[in-house]
Protein backbone atom coordinates (compact mmCIF):
# COMPACT_ATOMS: atom_id res chain seq x y z
CA MET A 1 24.92 -77.56 3.36
CA ILE A 2 24.81 -73.73 3.06
CA ALA A 3 26.82 -73.81 -0.23
CA THR A 4 24.31 -76.30 -1.58
CA ALA A 5 21.21 -74.32 -0.58
CA ASP A 6 22.96 -71.29 -2.07
CA ALA A 7 23.65 -73.15 -5.21
CA LEU A 8 20.10 -74.41 -5.56
CA ARG A 9 18.78 -70.66 -4.95
CA LEU A 10 16.81 -72.47 -1.90
CA ILE A 11 18.14 -69.27 0.24
CA THR A 12 20.60 -66.54 -0.11
CA ILE A 13 23.14 -65.88 2.81
CA ASP A 14 21.40 -62.64 3.59
CA ALA A 15 18.14 -64.46 4.18
CA LEU A 16 19.68 -66.97 6.12
CA ALA A 17 21.45 -64.36 8.37
CA ALA A 18 18.04 -62.61 8.92
CA GLN A 19 16.45 -65.88 10.05
CA VAL A 20 19.43 -66.61 12.49
CA GLN A 21 19.19 -63.24 13.67
CA ALA A 22 15.49 -63.80 14.48
CA ALA A 23 16.01 -66.88 16.47
CA HIS A 24 16.77 -65.49 19.48
CA ARG A 25 16.49 -68.85 21.53
CA PHE A 26 18.77 -70.74 19.35
CA ARG A 27 21.99 -71.29 21.28
CA GLY A 28 24.18 -71.87 18.39
CA ARG A 29 23.09 -68.54 17.10
CA PRO A 30 26.38 -66.55 17.57
CA LEU A 31 28.70 -69.26 15.98
CA LEU A 32 26.40 -69.62 13.09
CA GLN A 33 26.33 -65.64 12.75
CA ARG A 34 30.28 -65.73 12.47
CA VAL A 35 30.21 -68.57 9.85
CA LEU A 36 27.72 -66.51 7.79
CA ASP A 37 29.83 -63.48 8.06
CA GLU A 38 32.80 -65.43 6.70
CA LEU A 39 30.77 -66.99 3.96
CA ARG A 40 29.29 -63.72 2.85
CA GLY A 41 30.79 -62.75 -0.38
CA GLU A 42 32.60 -66.14 -0.86
CA LEU A 43 29.89 -68.24 -2.63
CA SER A 44 29.23 -67.95 -6.22
CA HIS A 45 25.53 -66.55 -6.13
CA SER A 46 26.39 -63.72 -3.60
CA GLY A 47 27.99 -60.31 -4.20
CA ALA A 48 30.65 -61.61 -6.42
CA GLU A 49 28.19 -62.64 -8.99
CA ALA A 50 26.32 -59.34 -8.82
CA ARG A 51 29.57 -57.62 -9.53
CA ALA A 52 30.20 -59.74 -12.43
CA ARG A 53 26.48 -59.32 -13.65
CA ARG A 54 26.94 -55.62 -13.69
CA MET A 55 30.07 -55.87 -15.84
CA VAL A 56 28.54 -58.57 -18.24
CA ARG A 57 25.46 -56.47 -18.72
CA ASP A 58 27.29 -53.39 -19.86
CA VAL A 59 29.46 -55.60 -22.33
CA VAL A 60 26.02 -57.36 -23.58
CA ALA A 61 24.41 -54.15 -24.04
CA ALA A 62 27.03 -52.70 -26.02
CA SER A 63 26.51 -55.52 -28.50
CA GLY A 64 22.75 -54.87 -28.80
CA LEU A 65 21.95 -57.87 -26.84
CA ARG A 66 20.27 -58.45 -23.52
CA LEU A 67 21.39 -60.48 -20.37
CA HIS A 68 18.91 -62.63 -18.56
CA PRO A 69 17.99 -61.01 -15.63
CA ARG A 70 18.27 -64.15 -13.38
CA PRO A 71 20.16 -67.32 -13.68
CA TYR A 72 18.74 -69.37 -16.55
CA ALA A 73 17.73 -72.90 -16.79
CA ILE A 74 19.34 -74.78 -19.63
CA ARG A 75 16.86 -77.61 -20.90
CA GLN A 76 16.73 -80.51 -22.88
CA GLY A 77 13.20 -80.84 -23.77
CA ARG A 78 11.48 -80.42 -20.26
CA ARG A 79 14.33 -81.48 -18.31
CA VAL A 80 16.89 -78.89 -16.66
CA VAL A 81 20.36 -79.90 -17.36
CA ALA A 82 22.07 -76.98 -16.44
CA GLU A 83 21.52 -73.52 -14.80
CA ALA A 84 23.59 -70.67 -16.33
CA ASP A 85 24.70 -68.02 -13.83
CA LEU A 86 24.61 -65.27 -16.41
CA ALA A 87 22.98 -66.11 -19.64
CA VAL A 88 23.02 -64.54 -22.98
CA VAL A 89 20.01 -66.53 -24.19
CA ALA A 90 20.14 -65.16 -27.90
CA LEU A 91 23.52 -66.59 -28.21
CA ARG A 92 23.22 -69.57 -26.05
CA TYR A 93 26.15 -68.11 -24.03
CA ASP A 94 26.57 -69.33 -20.46
CA ILE A 95 29.08 -67.27 -18.25
CA GLU A 96 29.77 -69.16 -14.93
CA VAL A 97 30.98 -67.16 -11.85
CA ASP A 98 32.88 -69.58 -9.76
CA GLY A 99 33.57 -69.24 -6.07
CA PRO A 100 36.39 -70.94 -4.30
CA HIS A 101 34.53 -74.34 -3.70
CA HIS A 102 34.76 -74.92 -7.51
CA LEU A 103 38.45 -75.34 -7.22
CA LEU A 104 37.67 -78.86 -5.28
CA PRO A 105 38.17 -82.04 -7.24
CA ALA A 106 34.78 -83.19 -6.68
CA GLN A 107 32.97 -79.84 -7.77
CA GLN A 108 35.14 -79.62 -10.61
CA ALA A 109 34.02 -83.20 -11.72
CA LYS A 110 30.37 -81.89 -11.32
CA ASP A 111 31.19 -78.73 -13.38
CA ARG A 112 32.53 -80.86 -16.09
CA HIS A 113 29.64 -83.03 -16.37
CA ARG A 114 27.18 -80.06 -16.05
CA ASP A 115 29.12 -78.04 -18.86
CA ARG A 116 29.02 -81.27 -21.32
CA ARG A 117 25.25 -81.31 -20.84
CA ALA A 118 25.05 -77.56 -21.59
CA ARG A 119 27.33 -77.72 -24.48
CA ALA A 120 25.31 -80.81 -25.89
CA GLU A 121 22.33 -78.37 -25.95
CA GLY A 122 24.24 -75.90 -27.96
CA TRP A 123 25.45 -73.47 -25.39
CA THR A 124 28.90 -72.07 -25.09
CA VAL A 125 30.15 -72.29 -21.63
CA ASP A 126 32.95 -69.97 -20.03
CA ARG A 127 34.02 -70.36 -16.44
CA PHE A 128 35.80 -67.40 -14.47
CA LEU A 129 36.86 -67.69 -10.81
CA VAL A 130 35.68 -64.60 -8.51
CA GLU A 131 39.23 -64.22 -7.83
CA GLU A 132 40.10 -63.70 -11.44
CA ILE A 133 37.23 -61.26 -11.98
CA ASP A 134 38.10 -59.26 -8.74
CA ALA A 135 41.98 -59.16 -9.66
CA HIS A 136 41.48 -58.43 -13.44
CA PRO A 137 38.21 -57.04 -14.40
CA GLU A 138 39.34 -55.69 -17.60
CA ALA A 139 40.56 -59.07 -18.64
CA PHE A 140 37.28 -60.46 -17.66
CA THR A 141 35.31 -58.05 -19.60
CA ARG A 142 37.58 -58.44 -22.72
CA ALA A 143 37.08 -62.13 -22.66
CA ILE A 144 33.34 -61.82 -22.65
CA ARG A 145 33.62 -59.22 -25.23
CA ALA A 146 35.74 -61.38 -27.44
CA THR A 147 33.37 -64.60 -27.00
CA ILE A 148 30.35 -62.43 -27.86
CA SER A 149 31.94 -61.17 -30.91
CA ALA A 150 33.03 -64.77 -32.05
CA LEU A 151 29.25 -66.06 -31.44
CA LEU A 152 27.91 -63.14 -33.35
CA ALA A 153 30.25 -63.74 -36.11
CA ARG A 154 29.44 -67.50 -36.09
CA GLN A 155 25.56 -66.71 -35.99
CA SER A 156 25.53 -64.45 -39.04
CA SER A 157 27.78 -66.68 -41.09
CA SER A 158 25.44 -69.54 -40.35
CA ARG A 159 22.61 -67.43 -41.65
CA GLY A 160 24.59 -66.41 -44.81
CA ASP A 161 24.71 -62.71 -43.75
CA HIS A 162 27.91 -62.34 -45.44
CA CYS A 163 29.09 -58.95 -46.61
CA SER A 164 31.01 -59.38 -49.92
CA PRO A 165 32.98 -56.61 -51.53
CA ARG A 166 31.68 -55.03 -54.83
CA ARG A 167 33.70 -55.87 -57.89
């Protein structure tokens, strides 16, 4: 339930912890506070996503682009079909930062369905596990840089911005 609220951006772990702290008469308060302490930093939309956002923002800025400041709703007409954790809207590039719950088979099936819908709207989707980002930040930024370069090249070739050598 907490993971769902976090994923839907209904509440953050910090906001929920503040509510629990304020609920002095709630008998389950100590247990819930321990659970929240364990969850803090584990959900994809918490500290791990913020760290990834800082890394991606630097790579994107070096390419002369802008990272959307918040999760971005990918739409098919008026209907939201997906939400990009980190979005480079100009390139239609969705970078997903996945917490441990994305390793569960049911969540993976949902992710595949969601990614198909985003790709159908012309978005490129890359997924990275929090553990991979934390363990290998250079590889993470290198992968982002490579995808951005490829998308920029594809975008310029589709516009006919070819640079031909002089003869």
